Amino acid sequence: MKHFEDNDFGHHVEVRSVKGTVSAENLEELVSRWMLFKDMWWKDYSEEEVKRLPSVLTNEARKLKQLKETEEGVQIETAAWITVARK
């Protein structure tokens, strides 16, 4: 909030949490999509660490209670923070 106040938004800022989902045909496809962001999300990882990421992400995703696997594919429930600010 301080960032918005420091940039002349005053107290005209609303922040809320919104439920969302990420989905794909299967878990491997979902992990593949995540890997598209490797240069942004894991830019400080070594080449060896990046090579291990798909396996690690797949294993960790399987542990999520939010993971739902159906005949249509996989889905993970998420939360997004939405900010609306007006001057």
N, C-alpha and C. Protein backbone atom coordinates (compact mmCIF):
# COMPACT_ATOMS: atom_id res chain seq x y z
N MET A 1 0.82 -1.18 0.00
CA MET A 1 0.00 0.00 0.00
C MET A 1 0.87 1.25 0.00
N LYS A 2 1.98 1.19 0.70
CA LYS A 2 2.86 2.35 0.75
C LYS A 2 3.31 2.76 -0.65
N HIS A 3 3.59 1.78 -1.50
CA HIS A 3 4.00 2.07 -2.87
C HIS A 3 2.95 2.93 -3.59
N PHE A 4 1.68 2.59 -3.42
CA PHE A 4 0.62 3.35 -4.06
C PHE A 4 0.49 4.75 -3.45
N GLU A 5 0.58 4.82 -2.13
CA GLU A 5 0.49 6.12 -1.47
C GLU A 5 1.65 7.03 -1.89
N ASP A 6 2.84 6.46 -2.02
CA ASP A 6 4.02 7.22 -2.42
C ASP A 6 3.93 7.70 -3.87
N ASN A 7 3.03 7.11 -4.65
CA ASN A 7 2.88 7.48 -6.06
C ASN A 7 1.55 8.18 -6.33
N ASP A 8 1.11 8.94 -5.35
CA ASP A 8 -0.05 9.84 -5.48
C ASP A 8 -1.40 9.14 -5.65
N PHE A 9 -1.52 7.92 -5.19
CA PHE A 9 -2.83 7.28 -5.22
C PHE A 9 -3.58 7.50 -3.91
N GLY A 10 -2.88 8.02 -2.93
CA GLY A 10 -3.52 8.26 -1.63
C GLY A 10 -4.13 6.99 -1.09
N HIS A 11 -5.36 7.09 -0.62
CA HIS A 11 -6.04 5.91 -0.06
C HIS A 11 -7.08 5.36 -1.03
N HIS A 12 -6.93 5.65 -2.30
CA HIS A 12 -7.88 5.19 -3.31
C HIS A 12 -7.39 3.88 -3.93
N VAL A 13 -7.13 2.90 -3.06
CA VAL A 13 -6.59 1.62 -3.50
C VAL A 13 -7.43 0.51 -2.90
N GLU A 14 -7.79 -0.43 -3.74
CA GLU A 14 -8.55 -1.60 -3.29
C GLU A 14 -7.77 -2.85 -3.68
N VAL A 15 -7.55 -3.73 -2.72
CA VAL A 15 -6.85 -4.99 -2.96
C VAL A 15 -7.77 -6.12 -2.54
N ARG A 16 -7.92 -7.10 -3.41
CA ARG A 16 -8.77 -8.24 -3.06
C ARG A 16 -8.19 -9.52 -3.64
N SER A 17 -8.56 -10.61 -3.02
CA SER A 17 -8.15 -11.93 -3.47
C SER A 17 -9.26 -12.53 -4.33
N VAL A 18 -8.87 -13.12 -5.44
CA VAL A 18 -9.83 -13.73 -6.36
C VAL A 18 -9.39 -15.16 -6.62
N LYS A 19 -10.33 -16.10 -6.55
CA LYS A 19 -10.00 -17.49 -6.85
C LYS A 19 -9.86 -17.68 -8.35
N GLY A 20 -8.91 -18.49 -8.72
CA GLY A 20 -8.69 -18.80 -10.12
C GLY A 20 -8.21 -20.23 -10.26
N THR A 21 -7.86 -20.61 -11.46
CA THR A 21 -7.32 -21.95 -11.71
C THR A 21 -6.28 -21.88 -12.82
N VAL A 22 -5.38 -22.83 -12.78
CA VAL A 22 -4.51 -23.11 -13.91
C VAL A 22 -4.84 -24.53 -14.33
N SER A 23 -4.89 -24.75 -15.64
CA SER A 23 -5.29 -26.08 -16.11
C SER A 23 -4.55 -26.45 -17.38
N ALA A 24 -4.55 -27.74 -17.66
CA ALA A 24 -3.91 -28.27 -18.87
C ALA A 24 -4.48 -29.67 -19.12
N GLU A 25 -4.11 -30.24 -20.26
CA GLU A 25 -4.57 -31.58 -20.62
C GLU A 25 -4.06 -32.62 -19.64
N ASN A 26 -2.83 -32.40 -19.12
CA ASN A 26 -2.26 -33.33 -18.14
C ASN A 26 -1.20 -32.56 -17.35
N LEU A 27 -0.69 -33.20 -16.31
CA LEU A 27 0.27 -32.54 -15.43
C LEU A 27 1.58 -32.22 -16.16
N GLU A 28 2.00 -33.08 -17.04
CA GLU A 28 3.24 -32.84 -17.77
C GLU A 28 3.10 -31.58 -18.64
N GLU A 29 1.94 -31.39 -19.26
CA GLU A 29 1.70 -30.19 -20.06
C GLU A 29 1.70 -28.94 -19.19
N LEU A 30 1.10 -29.03 -18.01
CA LEU A 30 1.07 -27.89 -17.09
C LEU A 30 2.48 -27.51 -16.67
N VAL A 31 3.28 -28.50 -16.30
CA VAL A 31 4.67 -28.24 -15.92
C VAL A 31 5.44 -27.66 -17.10
N SER A 32 5.18 -28.15 -18.27
CA SER A 32 5.82 -27.62 -19.48
C SER A 32 5.51 -26.13 -19.65
N ARG A 33 4.29 -25.75 -19.38
CA ARG A 33 3.91 -24.33 -19.46
C ARG A 33 4.64 -23.50 -18.41
N TRP A 34 4.75 -24.05 -17.20
CA TRP A 34 5.49 -23.34 -16.16
C TRP A 34 6.93 -23.12 -16.58
N MET A 35 7.50 -24.11 -17.26
CA MET A 35 8.90 -24.02 -17.66
C MET A 35 9.13 -22.93 -18.70
N LEU A 36 8.10 -22.47 -19.36
CA LEU A 36 8.24 -21.35 -20.29
C LEU A 36 8.71 -20.09 -19.57
N PHE A 37 8.48 -20.03 -18.27
CA PHE A 37 8.84 -18.87 -17.46
C PHE A 37 10.17 -19.06 -16.72
N LYS A 38 10.90 -20.10 -17.07
CA LYS A 38 12.11 -20.42 -16.31
C LYS A 38 13.12 -19.28 -16.27
N ASP A 39 13.22 -18.52 -17.36
CA ASP A 39 14.18 -17.42 -17.37
C ASP A 39 13.77 -16.26 -16.47
N MET A 40 12.51 -16.20 -16.10
CA MET A 40 12.03 -15.15 -15.21
C MET A 40 11.96 -15.68 -13.77
N TRP A 41 11.35 -16.84 -13.59
CA TRP A 41 11.12 -17.36 -12.24
C TRP A 41 12.35 -18.00 -11.63
N TRP A 42 13.15 -18.65 -12.44
CA TRP A 42 14.30 -19.41 -11.92
C TRP A 42 15.59 -18.93 -12.57
N LYS A 43 15.71 -17.64 -12.81
CA LYS A 43 16.86 -17.10 -13.54
C LYS A 43 18.18 -17.30 -12.81
N ASP A 44 18.15 -17.42 -11.50
CA ASP A 44 19.39 -17.59 -10.74
C ASP A 44 19.75 -19.04 -10.49
N TYR A 45 18.96 -19.96 -11.05
CA TYR A 45 19.24 -21.39 -10.87
C TYR A 45 20.35 -21.82 -11.83
N SER A 46 21.12 -22.80 -11.40
CA SER A 46 22.16 -23.34 -12.27
C SER A 46 21.49 -24.18 -13.36
N GLU A 47 22.26 -24.49 -14.41
CA GLU A 47 21.74 -25.31 -15.50
C GLU A 47 21.29 -26.68 -14.99
N GLU A 48 22.05 -27.23 -14.06
CA GLU A 48 21.70 -28.53 -13.48
C GLU A 48 20.38 -28.45 -12.69
N GLU A 49 20.20 -27.38 -11.94
CA GLU A 49 18.95 -27.20 -11.19
C GLU A 49 17.76 -27.05 -12.13
N VAL A 50 17.93 -26.30 -13.20
CA VAL A 50 16.85 -26.11 -14.16
C VAL A 50 16.48 -27.44 -14.82
N LYS A 51 17.46 -28.27 -15.09
CA LYS A 51 17.18 -29.59 -15.69
C LYS A 51 16.34 -30.45 -14.77
N ARG A 52 16.52 -30.30 -13.46
CA ARG A 52 15.76 -31.10 -12.48
C ARG A 52 14.37 -30.54 -12.21
N LEU A 53 14.13 -29.29 -12.58
CA LEU A 53 12.86 -28.62 -12.26
C LEU A 53 11.61 -29.37 -12.71
N PRO A 54 11.51 -29.84 -13.95
CA PRO A 54 10.27 -30.51 -14.35
C PRO A 54 9.88 -31.67 -13.43
N SER A 55 10.86 -32.47 -13.05
CA SER A 55 10.59 -33.59 -12.15
C SER A 55 10.17 -33.09 -10.77
N VAL A 56 10.88 -32.10 -10.26
CA VAL A 56 10.57 -31.55 -8.94
C VAL A 56 9.18 -30.92 -8.94
N LEU A 57 8.89 -30.12 -9.97
CA LEU A 57 7.58 -29.46 -10.04
C LEU A 57 6.45 -30.47 -10.16
N THR A 58 6.65 -31.51 -10.95
CA THR A 58 5.63 -32.55 -11.09
C THR A 58 5.37 -33.22 -9.75
N ASN A 59 6.43 -33.60 -9.05
CA ASN A 59 6.29 -34.26 -7.75
C ASN A 59 5.61 -33.34 -6.72
N GLU A 60 6.00 -32.08 -6.70
CA GLU A 60 5.41 -31.15 -5.74
C GLU A 60 3.95 -30.85 -6.08
N ALA A 61 3.63 -30.73 -7.36
CA ALA A 61 2.24 -30.47 -7.76
C ALA A 61 1.34 -31.63 -7.33
N ARG A 62 1.84 -32.86 -7.43
CA ARG A 62 1.04 -34.03 -7.03
C ARG A 62 0.69 -34.00 -5.54
N LYS A 63 1.47 -33.28 -4.74
CA LYS A 63 1.22 -33.18 -3.30
C LYS A 63 0.16 -32.14 -2.95
N LEU A 64 -0.17 -31.26 -3.89
CA LEU A 64 -1.11 -30.18 -3.62
C LEU A 64 -2.53 -30.69 -3.44
N LYS A 65 -3.18 -30.28 -2.36
CA LYS A 65 -4.58 -30.66 -2.18
C LYS A 65 -5.47 -29.97 -3.21
N GLN A 66 -4.97 -28.87 -3.81
CA GLN A 66 -5.73 -28.14 -4.82
C GLN A 66 -5.68 -28.79 -6.20
N LEU A 67 -4.82 -29.79 -6.37
CA LEU A 67 -4.70 -30.47 -7.66
C LEU A 67 -5.89 -31.40 -7.86
N LYS A 68 -6.55 -31.22 -9.00
CA LYS A 68 -7.67 -32.10 -9.35
C LYS A 68 -7.35 -32.70 -10.72
N GLU A 69 -7.37 -34.03 -10.79
CA GLU A 69 -7.14 -34.73 -12.04
C GLU A 69 -8.44 -35.39 -12.47
N THR A 70 -8.88 -35.09 -13.69
CA THR A 70 -10.11 -35.66 -14.22
C THR A 70 -9.83 -36.19 -15.63
N GLU A 71 -10.86 -36.73 -16.25
CA GLU A 71 -10.71 -37.20 -17.63
C GLU A 71 -10.42 -36.05 -18.58
N GLU A 72 -10.86 -34.84 -18.23
CA GLU A 72 -10.64 -33.67 -19.08
C GLU A 72 -9.23 -33.10 -18.94
N GLY A 73 -8.55 -33.41 -17.85
CA GLY A 73 -7.21 -32.89 -17.63
C GLY A 73 -6.93 -32.62 -16.17
N VAL A 74 -6.00 -31.72 -15.91
CA VAL A 74 -5.64 -31.36 -14.54
C VAL A 74 -5.97 -29.89 -14.30
N GLN A 75 -6.20 -29.60 -13.04
CA GLN A 75 -6.54 -28.23 -12.65
C GLN A 75 -6.01 -27.99 -11.25
N ILE A 76 -5.44 -26.82 -11.05
CA ILE A 76 -4.97 -26.43 -9.72
C ILE A 76 -5.65 -25.12 -9.36
N GLU A 77 -6.33 -25.13 -8.24
CA GLU A 77 -6.98 -23.91 -7.74
C GLU A 77 -5.91 -22.96 -7.25
N THR A 78 -6.06 -21.69 -7.61
CA THR A 78 -5.08 -20.67 -7.23
C THR A 78 -5.78 -19.47 -6.61
N ALA A 79 -4.99 -18.56 -6.11
CA ALA A 79 -5.50 -17.28 -5.63
C ALA A 79 -4.70 -16.18 -6.31
N ALA A 80 -5.37 -15.16 -6.75
CA ALA A 80 -4.71 -14.01 -7.37
C ALA A 80 -5.05 -12.76 -6.58
N TRP A 81 -4.07 -11.90 -6.42
CA TRP A 81 -4.30 -10.62 -5.76
C TRP A 81 -4.54 -9.57 -6.83
N ILE A 82 -5.70 -8.95 -6.77
CA ILE A 82 -6.10 -7.93 -7.73
C ILE A 82 -6.04 -6.57 -7.03
N THR A 83 -5.39 -5.61 -7.66
CA THR A 83 -5.31 -4.26 -7.09
C THR A 83 -5.92 -3.28 -8.06
N VAL A 84 -6.83 -2.47 -7.55
CA VAL A 84 -7.43 -1.38 -8.33
C VAL A 84 -7.05 -0.09 -7.62
N ALA A 85 -6.42 0.82 -8.37
CA ALA A 85 -6.00 2.09 -7.78
C ALA A 85 -6.42 3.22 -8.71
N ARG A 86 -6.89 4.30 -8.11
CA ARG A 86 -7.27 5.45 -8.92
C ARG A 86 -6.75 6.72 -8.27
N LYS A 87 -6.38 7.65 -9.11
CA LYS A 87 -5.85 8.92 -8.61
C LYS A 87 -6.97 9.93 -8.51
